[in-house]
Amino acid sequence: MQYEACVEVRLREGIADPQGSTIENATPKLGFQGVSNVRVGKSIRFTLESDNEETANAIVQELCDRFLTNPVIEDASITIQGVE
């Protein structure tokens, strides 16, 4: 069965986010007030084949641990959805 996977990667709390700071500092100059706590991350989407959702989730978790994220400074949230 095919599954669509989405991995949202973000910096862990306490890790400096210079891109987020740049965006946050620019928003008032662009006329946007009240924007705070800006954090920049990345979204990785792909399709994979697996026998079931549990196995698909385990594969994506291993991909995150070994390749897609830096576990020292990043966290990831995984979403798996079956494709019809």
Protein backbone atom coordinates (compact mmCIF):
# COMPACT_ATOMS: atom_id res chain seq x y z
CA MET A 1 0.00 0.00 0.00
CA GLN A 2 1.16 3.56 -0.65
CA TYR A 3 1.36 6.22 2.04
CA GLU A 4 1.94 9.94 1.86
CA ALA A 5 4.35 11.10 4.52
CA CYS A 6 4.87 14.63 5.78
CA VAL A 7 7.75 15.42 8.11
CA GLU A 8 7.71 18.86 9.74
CA VAL A 9 11.18 19.69 11.05
CA ARG A 10 11.78 22.52 13.53
CA LEU A 11 14.60 23.69 15.74
CA ARG A 12 14.38 22.58 19.35
CA GLU A 13 13.45 25.12 22.01
CA GLY A 14 16.51 27.06 23.16
CA ILE A 15 18.30 26.75 19.80
CA ALA A 16 18.92 30.14 18.17
CA ASP A 17 16.86 30.72 15.03
CA PRO A 18 18.45 33.60 13.08
CA GLN A 19 16.00 33.24 10.18
CA GLY A 20 13.05 33.45 12.55
CA SER A 21 14.58 36.51 14.26
CA THR A 22 15.09 38.24 10.92
CA ILE A 23 11.46 37.66 9.95
CA GLU A 24 10.20 38.76 13.37
CA ASN A 25 12.29 41.96 13.27
CA ALA A 26 11.11 42.79 9.73
CA THR A 27 7.36 42.42 10.31
CA PRO A 28 6.78 45.77 12.07
CA LYS A 29 8.69 47.57 9.30
CA LEU A 30 6.31 45.93 6.81
CA GLY A 31 3.25 47.09 8.74
CA PHE A 32 2.48 43.87 10.61
CA GLN A 33 2.11 44.35 14.36
CA GLY A 34 1.96 41.71 17.08
CA VAL A 35 4.02 39.00 15.33
CA SER A 36 6.26 37.16 17.78
CA ASN A 37 8.02 33.85 18.45
CA VAL A 38 8.79 33.29 14.77
CA ARG A 39 10.53 29.97 14.17
CA VAL A 40 11.56 28.71 10.75
CA GLY A 41 11.48 25.02 9.86
CA LYS A 42 11.17 22.78 6.85
CA SER A 43 8.55 20.44 5.48
CA ILE A 44 9.53 17.22 3.70
CA ARG A 45 6.80 15.34 1.80
CA PHE A 46 7.08 12.04 -0.02
CA THR A 47 5.27 8.82 -0.90
CA LEU A 48 6.41 5.41 0.28
CA GLU A 49 5.24 1.84 -0.03
CA SER A 50 4.67 -0.24 3.07
CA ASP A 51 2.57 -3.16 4.27
CA ASN A 52 0.72 -1.03 6.83
CA GLU A 53 0.62 2.39 8.47
CA GLU A 54 2.56 1.29 11.55
CA THR A 55 5.46 0.04 9.42
CA ALA A 56 5.33 3.18 7.25
CA ASN A 57 5.55 5.32 10.37
CA ALA A 58 8.55 3.30 11.63
CA ILE A 59 10.33 3.74 8.27
CA VAL A 60 9.77 7.50 8.31
CA GLN A 61 10.93 7.72 11.93
CA GLU A 62 14.14 5.89 11.01
CA LEU A 63 14.64 8.22 8.03
CA CYS A 64 14.32 11.16 10.43
CA ASP A 65 16.74 9.66 12.92
CA ARG A 66 19.37 8.75 10.33
CA PHE A 67 19.03 11.31 7.54
CA LEU A 68 16.28 13.95 7.51
CA THR A 69 16.96 15.70 10.83
CA ASN A 70 19.79 16.59 13.13
CA PRO A 71 18.52 15.06 16.39
CA VAL A 72 20.85 17.26 18.45
CA ILE A 73 19.12 20.53 17.43
CA GLU A 74 15.92 19.54 15.60
CA ASP A 75 12.60 17.88 16.38
CA ALA A 76 10.26 16.33 13.82
CA SER A 77 6.58 15.56 13.68
CA ILE A 78 5.42 12.86 11.28
CA THR A 79 2.07 12.57 9.54
CA ILE A 80 1.23 9.42 7.56
CA GLN A 81 -1.84 9.10 5.36
CA GLY A 82 -2.88 6.22 3.14
CA VAL A 83 -3.24 6.86 -0.60
CA GLU A 84 -6.18 5.31 -2.40
